[in-house]
Amino acid sequence: MEIILKQDVENLGFIDDIVTVKNGYGRNFLIPHGFAVLATTSAKKVLAETLKQRAYKEEKLIKDATKIADAIKELEIKITAKTGDGTKLFGSVNNGNVSEALAAEGHKVDKKYIKVEGGNIKRLGKYNATIRLHRAVIVDIPVDVIAEAQ
């Protein structure tokens, strides 16, 4: 079944992509939840016209995202956390903590666009986080989890 995505779907595609999915997934989940519509010939024509009009706006968005990415690349994120025995943390550090640390540095990035290597960090050390500012602009930044001074 060919469908047109109406919003980004994890591990499937981005908004306005035409993707092929199994019939049940499209009919029972994507279309009823408003994530997609059937890719009929008329829907494809409307999509082509929309994409043509959006090309200029997209170029500006990529330029802005690249500027933010260059600024973020220069940052060194340090997150302090309470520790127990040795290097083990009380709780964990996740994408929300990285988002808060970026906001403290003056770069507001929603946590859903940040992926921390390994999901949740449960030990002190250096890790990597991937930030998706745009479908064409993805930045990897180092995250250093350090012990909170007691």
N, C-alpha and C. Protein backbone atom coordinates (compact mmCIF):
# COMPACT_ATOMS: atom_id res chain seq x y z
N MET A 1 0.85 -1.17 0.00
CA MET A 1 0.00 0.00 0.00
C MET A 1 0.89 1.23 0.00
N GLU A 2 0.64 2.14 -0.93
CA GLU A 2 1.40 3.39 -0.99
C GLU A 2 0.63 4.46 -0.24
N ILE A 3 1.35 5.19 0.63
CA ILE A 3 0.72 6.26 1.39
C ILE A 3 1.60 7.49 1.36
N ILE A 4 1.00 8.63 1.67
CA ILE A 4 1.72 9.90 1.81
C ILE A 4 1.67 10.28 3.28
N LEU A 5 2.84 10.45 3.89
CA LEU A 5 2.90 10.78 5.31
C LEU A 5 2.51 12.23 5.55
N LYS A 6 1.68 12.46 6.54
CA LYS A 6 1.24 13.80 6.91
C LYS A 6 2.07 14.38 8.06
N GLN A 7 2.88 13.54 8.71
CA GLN A 7 3.81 14.00 9.74
C GLN A 7 4.93 12.98 9.84
N ASP A 8 6.02 13.35 10.51
CA ASP A 8 7.16 12.46 10.66
C ASP A 8 6.75 11.23 11.46
N VAL A 9 7.13 10.06 10.97
CA VAL A 9 6.86 8.80 11.67
C VAL A 9 8.21 8.12 11.88
N GLU A 10 8.52 7.82 13.12
CA GLU A 10 9.80 7.21 13.49
C GLU A 10 10.03 5.92 12.71
N ASN A 11 11.21 5.76 12.18
CA ASN A 11 11.64 4.56 11.43
C ASN A 11 10.82 4.30 10.16
N LEU A 12 10.09 5.30 9.68
CA LEU A 12 9.32 5.11 8.45
C LEU A 12 9.63 6.21 7.44
N GLY A 13 9.51 7.48 7.85
CA GLY A 13 9.79 8.57 6.93
C GLY A 13 9.40 9.91 7.52
N PHE A 14 9.57 10.92 6.69
CA PHE A 14 9.29 12.29 7.09
C PHE A 14 8.01 12.78 6.43
N ILE A 15 7.55 13.95 6.85
CA ILE A 15 6.32 14.53 6.32
C ILE A 15 6.41 14.65 4.79
N ASP A 16 5.33 14.34 4.12
CA ASP A 16 5.18 14.40 2.67
C ASP A 16 6.02 13.38 1.90
N ASP A 17 6.55 12.37 2.56
CA ASP A 17 7.22 11.27 1.86
C ASP A 17 6.16 10.29 1.37
N ILE A 18 6.41 9.70 0.21
CA ILE A 18 5.55 8.63 -0.28
C ILE A 18 6.26 7.33 0.05
N VAL A 19 5.63 6.52 0.91
CA VAL A 19 6.25 5.27 1.35
C VAL A 19 5.29 4.11 1.11
N THR A 20 5.87 2.92 1.02
CA THR A 20 5.09 1.71 0.86
C THR A 20 5.10 0.96 2.19
N VAL A 21 3.92 0.65 2.70
CA VAL A 21 3.79 -0.08 3.96
C VAL A 21 2.85 -1.25 3.75
N LYS A 22 2.83 -2.14 4.72
CA LYS A 22 1.89 -3.25 4.66
C LYS A 22 0.47 -2.71 4.81
N ASN A 23 -0.48 -3.39 4.17
CA ASN A 23 -1.87 -2.92 4.15
C ASN A 23 -2.43 -2.70 5.55
N GLY A 24 -2.22 -3.64 6.46
CA GLY A 24 -2.78 -3.53 7.81
C GLY A 24 -2.21 -2.34 8.57
N TYR A 25 -0.90 -2.11 8.45
CA TYR A 25 -0.27 -0.99 9.14
C TYR A 25 -0.84 0.34 8.65
N GLY A 26 -1.01 0.45 7.35
CA GLY A 26 -1.55 1.68 6.79
C GLY A 26 -3.01 1.88 7.12
N ARG A 27 -3.81 0.85 6.92
CA ARG A 27 -5.26 0.95 7.09
C ARG A 27 -5.68 1.01 8.56
N ASN A 28 -4.97 0.28 9.43
CA ASN A 28 -5.40 0.18 10.83
C ASN A 28 -4.71 1.16 11.77
N PHE A 29 -3.55 1.70 11.38
CA PHE A 29 -2.84 2.59 12.30
C PHE A 29 -2.57 3.97 11.70
N LEU A 30 -1.84 4.02 10.58
CA LEU A 30 -1.38 5.31 10.05
C LEU A 30 -2.53 6.21 9.59
N ILE A 31 -3.44 5.69 8.80
CA ILE A 31 -4.53 6.51 8.27
C ILE A 31 -5.53 6.91 9.36
N PRO A 32 -6.00 6.00 10.23
CA PRO A 32 -6.96 6.42 11.28
C PRO A 32 -6.38 7.43 12.27
N HIS A 33 -5.08 7.35 12.55
CA HIS A 33 -4.46 8.29 13.49
C HIS A 33 -4.06 9.61 12.82
N GLY A 34 -4.30 9.74 11.52
CA GLY A 34 -4.01 10.99 10.82
C GLY A 34 -2.54 11.15 10.47
N PHE A 35 -1.76 10.07 10.52
CA PHE A 35 -0.35 10.15 10.19
C PHE A 35 -0.12 10.11 8.68
N ALA A 36 -1.12 9.61 7.92
CA ALA A 36 -0.93 9.43 6.49
C ALA A 36 -2.27 9.43 5.76
N VAL A 37 -2.19 9.57 4.42
CA VAL A 37 -3.35 9.43 3.54
C VAL A 37 -2.95 8.50 2.40
N LEU A 38 -3.94 7.93 1.74
CA LEU A 38 -3.66 7.07 0.59
C LEU A 38 -3.01 7.87 -0.52
N ALA A 39 -2.07 7.27 -1.22
CA ALA A 39 -1.35 7.95 -2.30
C ALA A 39 -2.07 7.71 -3.63
N THR A 40 -3.22 8.34 -3.81
CA THR A 40 -3.95 8.25 -5.07
C THR A 40 -3.28 9.18 -6.07
N THR A 41 -3.69 9.09 -7.34
CA THR A 41 -3.07 9.95 -8.36
C THR A 41 -3.34 11.42 -8.09
N SER A 42 -4.55 11.75 -7.65
CA SER A 42 -4.85 13.15 -7.36
C SER A 42 -4.08 13.64 -6.13
N ALA A 43 -3.93 12.79 -5.13
CA ALA A 43 -3.16 13.17 -3.95
C ALA A 43 -1.69 13.39 -4.31
N LYS A 44 -1.16 12.58 -5.23
CA LYS A 44 0.23 12.74 -5.67
C LYS A 44 0.42 14.06 -6.43
N LYS A 45 -0.58 14.45 -7.24
CA LYS A 45 -0.50 15.72 -7.97
C LYS A 45 -0.51 16.90 -7.00
N VAL A 46 -1.38 16.84 -6.00
CA VAL A 46 -1.44 17.90 -4.98
C VAL A 46 -0.12 17.97 -4.22
N LEU A 47 0.43 16.82 -3.89
CA LEU A 47 1.71 16.77 -3.19
C LEU A 47 2.82 17.37 -4.02
N ALA A 48 2.87 17.07 -5.32
CA ALA A 48 3.91 17.61 -6.19
C ALA A 48 3.84 19.14 -6.24
N GLU A 49 2.65 19.69 -6.33
CA GLU A 49 2.49 21.15 -6.35
C GLU A 49 2.91 21.76 -5.02
N THR A 50 2.52 21.12 -3.92
CA THR A 50 2.89 21.60 -2.60
C THR A 50 4.40 21.60 -2.42
N LEU A 51 5.05 20.53 -2.85
CA LEU A 51 6.51 20.42 -2.71
C LEU A 51 7.22 21.47 -3.55
N LYS A 52 6.68 21.76 -4.72
CA LYS A 52 7.28 22.78 -5.58
C LYS A 52 7.24 24.16 -4.90
N GLN A 53 6.11 24.47 -4.27
CA GLN A 53 5.97 25.76 -3.59
C GLN A 53 6.81 25.83 -2.33
N ARG A 54 7.04 24.67 -1.71
CA ARG A 54 7.76 24.64 -0.45
C ARG A 54 9.29 24.64 -0.62
N ALA A 55 9.79 24.44 -1.82
CA ALA A 55 11.23 24.30 -2.05
C ALA A 55 12.02 25.51 -1.56
N TYR A 56 11.52 26.71 -1.83
CA TYR A 56 12.23 27.92 -1.40
C TYR A 56 12.25 28.04 0.12
N LYS A 57 11.13 27.78 0.76
CA LYS A 57 11.06 27.84 2.22
C LYS A 57 12.00 26.81 2.84
N GLU A 58 12.08 25.64 2.23
CA GLU A 58 12.94 24.57 2.73
C GLU A 58 14.41 24.98 2.70
N GLU A 59 14.80 25.67 1.65
CA GLU A 59 16.18 26.13 1.53
C GLU A 59 16.55 27.07 2.68
N LYS A 60 15.64 27.97 3.03
CA LYS A 60 15.88 28.90 4.13
C LYS A 60 15.96 28.14 5.47
N LEU A 61 15.09 27.15 5.66
CA LEU A 61 15.12 26.37 6.89
C LEU A 61 16.44 25.62 7.03
N ILE A 62 16.96 25.08 5.93
CA ILE A 62 18.23 24.36 5.98
C ILE A 62 19.37 25.30 6.34
N LYS A 63 19.35 26.51 5.80
CA LYS A 63 20.39 27.49 6.14
C LYS A 63 20.35 27.83 7.63
N ASP A 64 19.15 28.07 8.17
CA ASP A 64 19.00 28.38 9.59
C ASP A 64 19.44 27.21 10.46
N ALA A 65 19.05 26.00 10.08
CA ALA A 65 19.43 24.82 10.85
C ALA A 65 20.94 24.60 10.81
N THR A 66 21.57 24.91 9.69
CA THR A 66 23.02 24.77 9.58
C THR A 66 23.73 25.76 10.49
N LYS A 67 23.22 26.98 10.59
CA LYS A 67 23.81 27.97 11.50
C LYS A 67 23.72 27.49 12.94
N ILE A 68 22.56 26.97 13.33
CA ILE A 68 22.38 26.46 14.69
C ILE A 68 23.30 25.26 14.91
N ALA A 69 23.42 24.39 13.90
CA ALA A 69 24.28 23.21 14.02
C ALA A 69 25.73 23.61 14.23
N ASP A 70 26.19 24.62 13.51
CA ASP A 70 27.58 25.08 13.68
C ASP A 70 27.81 25.61 15.08
N ALA A 71 26.82 26.31 15.63
CA ALA A 71 26.95 26.83 16.99
C ALA A 71 26.94 25.70 18.02
N ILE A 72 26.10 24.69 17.79
CA ILE A 72 25.99 23.57 18.73
C ILE A 72 27.23 22.69 18.69
N LYS A 73 27.84 22.54 17.53
CA LYS A 73 29.04 21.70 17.40
C LYS A 73 30.17 22.19 18.30
N GLU A 74 30.23 23.48 18.53
CA GLU A 74 31.30 24.06 19.34
C GLU A 74 31.07 23.88 20.84
N LEU A 75 29.86 23.49 21.22
CA LEU A 75 29.55 23.33 22.64
C LEU A 75 30.09 22.03 23.20
N GLU A 76 30.41 22.06 24.47
CA GLU A 76 30.77 20.85 25.19
C GLU A 76 29.78 20.74 26.34
N ILE A 77 28.85 19.82 26.22
CA ILE A 77 27.78 19.68 27.20
C ILE A 77 28.28 18.89 28.40
N LYS A 78 28.13 19.46 29.58
CA LYS A 78 28.47 18.78 30.83
C LYS A 78 27.20 18.71 31.67
N ILE A 79 26.85 17.51 32.08
CA ILE A 79 25.65 17.31 32.89
C ILE A 79 26.10 16.72 34.22
N THR A 80 25.71 17.40 35.30
CA THR A 80 26.05 16.88 36.63
C THR A 80 24.92 16.01 37.14
N ALA A 81 25.30 14.92 37.81
CA ALA A 81 24.30 13.99 38.33
C ALA A 81 24.79 13.41 39.64
N LYS A 82 23.83 13.06 40.49
CA LYS A 82 24.17 12.42 41.77
C LYS A 82 24.65 11.00 41.50
N THR A 83 25.68 10.61 42.24
CA THR A 83 26.24 9.27 42.04
C THR A 83 26.15 8.46 43.31
N GLY A 84 26.14 7.17 43.12
CA GLY A 84 26.15 6.22 44.23
C GLY A 84 27.54 5.66 44.37
N ASP A 85 27.63 4.36 44.41
CA ASP A 85 28.93 3.69 44.51
C ASP A 85 29.68 3.80 43.18
N GLY A 86 30.91 4.31 43.24
CA GLY A 86 31.75 4.39 42.05
C GLY A 86 31.18 5.33 41.00
N THR A 87 30.91 4.80 39.81
CA THR A 87 30.46 5.64 38.70
C THR A 87 28.97 5.49 38.42
N LYS A 88 28.25 4.73 39.22
CA LYS A 88 26.83 4.49 38.99
C LYS A 88 26.01 5.72 39.42
N LEU A 89 25.04 6.10 38.59
CA LEU A 89 24.20 7.27 38.87
C LEU A 89 22.95 6.88 39.65
N PHE A 90 22.44 7.85 40.44
CA PHE A 90 21.09 7.72 40.99
C PHE A 90 20.17 8.18 39.87
N GLY A 91 19.35 7.30 39.38
CA GLY A 91 18.50 7.65 38.25
C GLY A 91 19.28 7.51 36.96
N SER A 92 18.97 8.36 35.97
CA SER A 92 19.67 8.29 34.69
C SER A 92 19.67 9.65 34.02
N VAL A 93 20.48 9.78 32.99
CA VAL A 93 20.53 10.98 32.17
C VAL A 93 19.98 10.58 30.81
N ASN A 94 19.03 11.37 30.28
CA ASN A 94 18.41 11.03 29.00
C ASN A 94 18.33 12.25 28.10
N ASN A 95 17.58 12.15 27.00
CA ASN A 95 17.48 13.24 26.04
C ASN A 95 16.87 14.51 26.64
N GLY A 96 16.02 14.39 27.64
CA GLY A 96 15.45 15.56 28.31
C GLY A 96 16.52 16.36 29.03
N ASN A 97 17.45 15.67 29.68
CA ASN A 97 18.54 16.35 30.36
C ASN A 97 19.46 17.07 29.37
N VAL A 98 19.71 16.44 28.23
CA VAL A 98 20.54 17.07 27.19
C VAL A 98 19.82 18.31 26.64
N SER A 99 18.51 18.21 26.47
CA SER A 99 17.73 19.36 25.99
C SER A 99 17.81 20.52 26.98
N GLU A 100 17.71 20.23 28.28
CA GLU A 100 17.82 21.27 29.30
C GLU A 100 19.21 21.91 29.29
N ALA A 101 20.25 21.09 29.11
CA ALA A 101 21.62 21.61 29.07
C ALA A 101 21.82 22.51 27.85
N LEU A 102 21.24 22.14 26.72
CA LEU A 102 21.33 22.98 25.53
C LEU A 102 20.56 24.29 25.72
N ALA A 103 19.41 24.23 26.39
CA ALA A 103 18.63 25.44 26.66
C ALA A 103 19.42 26.38 27.57
N ALA A 104 20.17 25.82 28.52
CA ALA A 104 20.99 26.65 29.40
C ALA A 104 22.10 27.36 28.62
N GLU A 105 22.53 26.75 27.51
CA GLU A 105 23.56 27.34 26.66
C GLU A 105 22.95 28.30 25.63
N GLY A 106 21.63 28.40 25.59
CA GLY A 106 20.97 29.34 24.69
C GLY A 106 20.46 28.72 23.40
N HIS A 107 20.40 27.41 23.30
CA HIS A 107 19.91 26.73 22.10
C HIS A 107 18.74 25.84 22.49
N LYS A 108 17.52 26.29 22.18
CA LYS A 108 16.34 25.53 22.55
C LYS A 108 16.08 24.46 21.48
N VAL A 109 16.23 23.19 21.88
CA VAL A 109 15.97 22.05 21.00
C VAL A 109 15.02 21.12 21.74
N ASP A 110 13.94 20.75 21.10
CA ASP A 110 12.96 19.86 21.72
C ASP A 110 13.59 18.48 21.94
N LYS A 111 13.27 17.87 23.06
CA LYS A 111 13.91 16.60 23.42
C LYS A 111 13.58 15.46 22.46
N LYS A 112 12.48 15.57 21.72
CA LYS A 112 12.15 14.49 20.79
C LYS A 112 13.08 14.45 19.57
N TYR A 113 13.86 15.51 19.37
CA TYR A 113 14.81 15.54 18.27
C TYR A 113 16.22 15.16 18.71
N ILE A 114 16.37 14.73 19.97
CA ILE A 114 17.67 14.36 20.51
C ILE A 114 17.66 12.88 20.83
N LYS A 115 18.71 12.18 20.40
CA LYS A 115 18.87 10.76 20.73
C LYS A 115 20.20 10.61 21.44
N VAL A 116 20.16 10.04 22.62
CA VAL A 116 21.37 9.78 23.39
C VAL A 116 21.82 8.36 23.10
N GLU A 117 23.11 8.23 22.87
CA GLU A 117 23.71 6.92 22.59
C GLU A 117 23.39 5.96 23.73
N GLY A 118 22.71 4.87 23.43
CA GLY A 118 22.37 3.88 24.44
C GLY A 118 21.06 4.18 25.16
N GLY A 119 20.34 5.21 24.78
CA GLY A 119 19.07 5.54 25.43
C GLY A 119 19.25 6.31 26.71
N ASN A 120 19.27 5.63 27.84
CA ASN A 120 19.47 6.27 29.13
C ASN A 120 20.89 6.02 29.61
N ILE A 121 21.54 7.06 30.09
CA ILE A 121 22.89 6.95 30.61
C ILE A 121 22.80 6.67 32.10
N LYS A 122 23.47 5.61 32.56
CA LYS A 122 23.39 5.22 33.97
C LYS A 122 24.74 5.22 34.66
N ARG A 123 25.79 5.67 33.95
CA ARG A 123 27.13 5.73 34.54
C ARG A 123 27.81 7.02 34.14
N LEU A 124 28.77 7.46 34.95
CA LEU A 124 29.56 8.64 34.61
C LEU A 124 30.40 8.35 33.38
N GLY A 125 30.74 9.39 32.62
CA GLY A 125 31.61 9.21 31.47
C GLY A 125 31.23 10.10 30.31
N LYS A 126 31.88 9.86 29.19
CA LYS A 126 31.63 10.64 27.97
C LYS A 126 30.75 9.81 27.03
N TYR A 127 29.75 10.48 26.47
CA TYR A 127 28.81 9.84 25.57
C TYR A 127 28.56 10.75 24.38
N ASN A 128 27.84 10.26 23.38
CA ASN A 128 27.46 11.06 22.22
C ASN A 128 25.95 11.19 22.15
N ALA A 129 25.52 12.36 21.71
CA ALA A 129 24.10 12.60 21.47
C ALA A 129 23.94 13.08 20.03
N THR A 130 22.89 12.63 19.38
CA THR A 130 22.60 13.03 18.00
C THR A 130 21.39 13.95 18.02
N ILE A 131 21.55 15.11 17.40
CA ILE A 131 20.47 16.10 17.35
C ILE A 131 20.05 16.27 15.90
N ARG A 132 18.75 16.10 15.64
CA ARG A 132 18.21 16.29 14.30
C ARG A 132 17.49 17.63 14.25
N LEU A 133 18.15 18.61 13.63
CA LEU A 133 17.57 19.94 13.52
C LEU A 133 16.67 20.07 12.29
N HIS A 134 16.96 19.26 11.29
CA HIS A 134 16.20 19.22 10.05
C HIS A 134 16.49 17.86 9.43
N ARG A 135 15.67 17.42 8.52
CA ARG A 135 15.93 16.09 7.95
C ARG A 135 17.28 16.03 7.25
N ALA A 136 17.81 17.17 6.82
CA ALA A 136 19.11 17.19 6.14
C ALA A 136 20.24 17.66 7.07
N VAL A 137 19.92 18.10 8.28
CA VAL A 137 20.94 18.63 9.19
C VAL A 137 20.89 17.84 10.50
N ILE A 138 21.90 16.99 10.69
CA ILE A 138 22.01 16.18 11.89
C ILE A 138 23.37 16.43 12.51
N VAL A 139 23.40 16.66 13.83
CA VAL A 139 24.64 17.00 14.52
C VAL A 139 24.90 15.99 15.63
N ASP A 140 26.15 15.56 15.73
CA ASP A 140 26.57 14.72 16.86
C ASP A 140 27.36 15.60 17.82
N ILE A 141 26.99 15.56 19.10
CA ILE A 141 27.73 16.35 20.10
C ILE A 141 28.15 15.44 21.25
N PRO A 142 29.29 15.77 21.86
CA PRO A 142 29.73 14.99 23.03
C PRO A 142 28.99 15.45 24.28
N VAL A 143 28.64 14.50 25.11
CA VAL A 143 27.98 14.78 26.39
C VAL A 143 28.84 14.15 27.49
N ASP A 144 29.24 14.97 28.43
CA ASP A 144 30.08 14.50 29.53
C ASP A 144 29.23 14.48 30.80
N VAL A 145 29.03 13.30 31.37
CA VAL A 145 28.27 13.16 32.61
C VAL A 145 29.28 13.12 33.75
N ILE A 146 29.17 14.13 34.64
CA ILE A 146 30.13 14.23 35.74
C ILE A 146 29.39 14.15 37.08
N ALA A 147 30.15 13.81 38.11
CA ALA A 147 29.57 13.66 39.44
C ALA A 147 29.27 15.03 40.04
N GLU A 148 28.15 15.12 40.76
CA GLU A 148 27.76 16.33 41.45
C GLU A 148 28.65 16.51 42.68
N ALA A 149 29.17 17.72 42.87
CA ALA A 149 30.03 17.98 44.03
C ALA A 149 29.21 17.86 45.32
N GLN A 150 29.78 17.17 46.31
CA GLN A 150 29.02 16.97 47.54
C GLN A 150 29.66 17.67 48.69
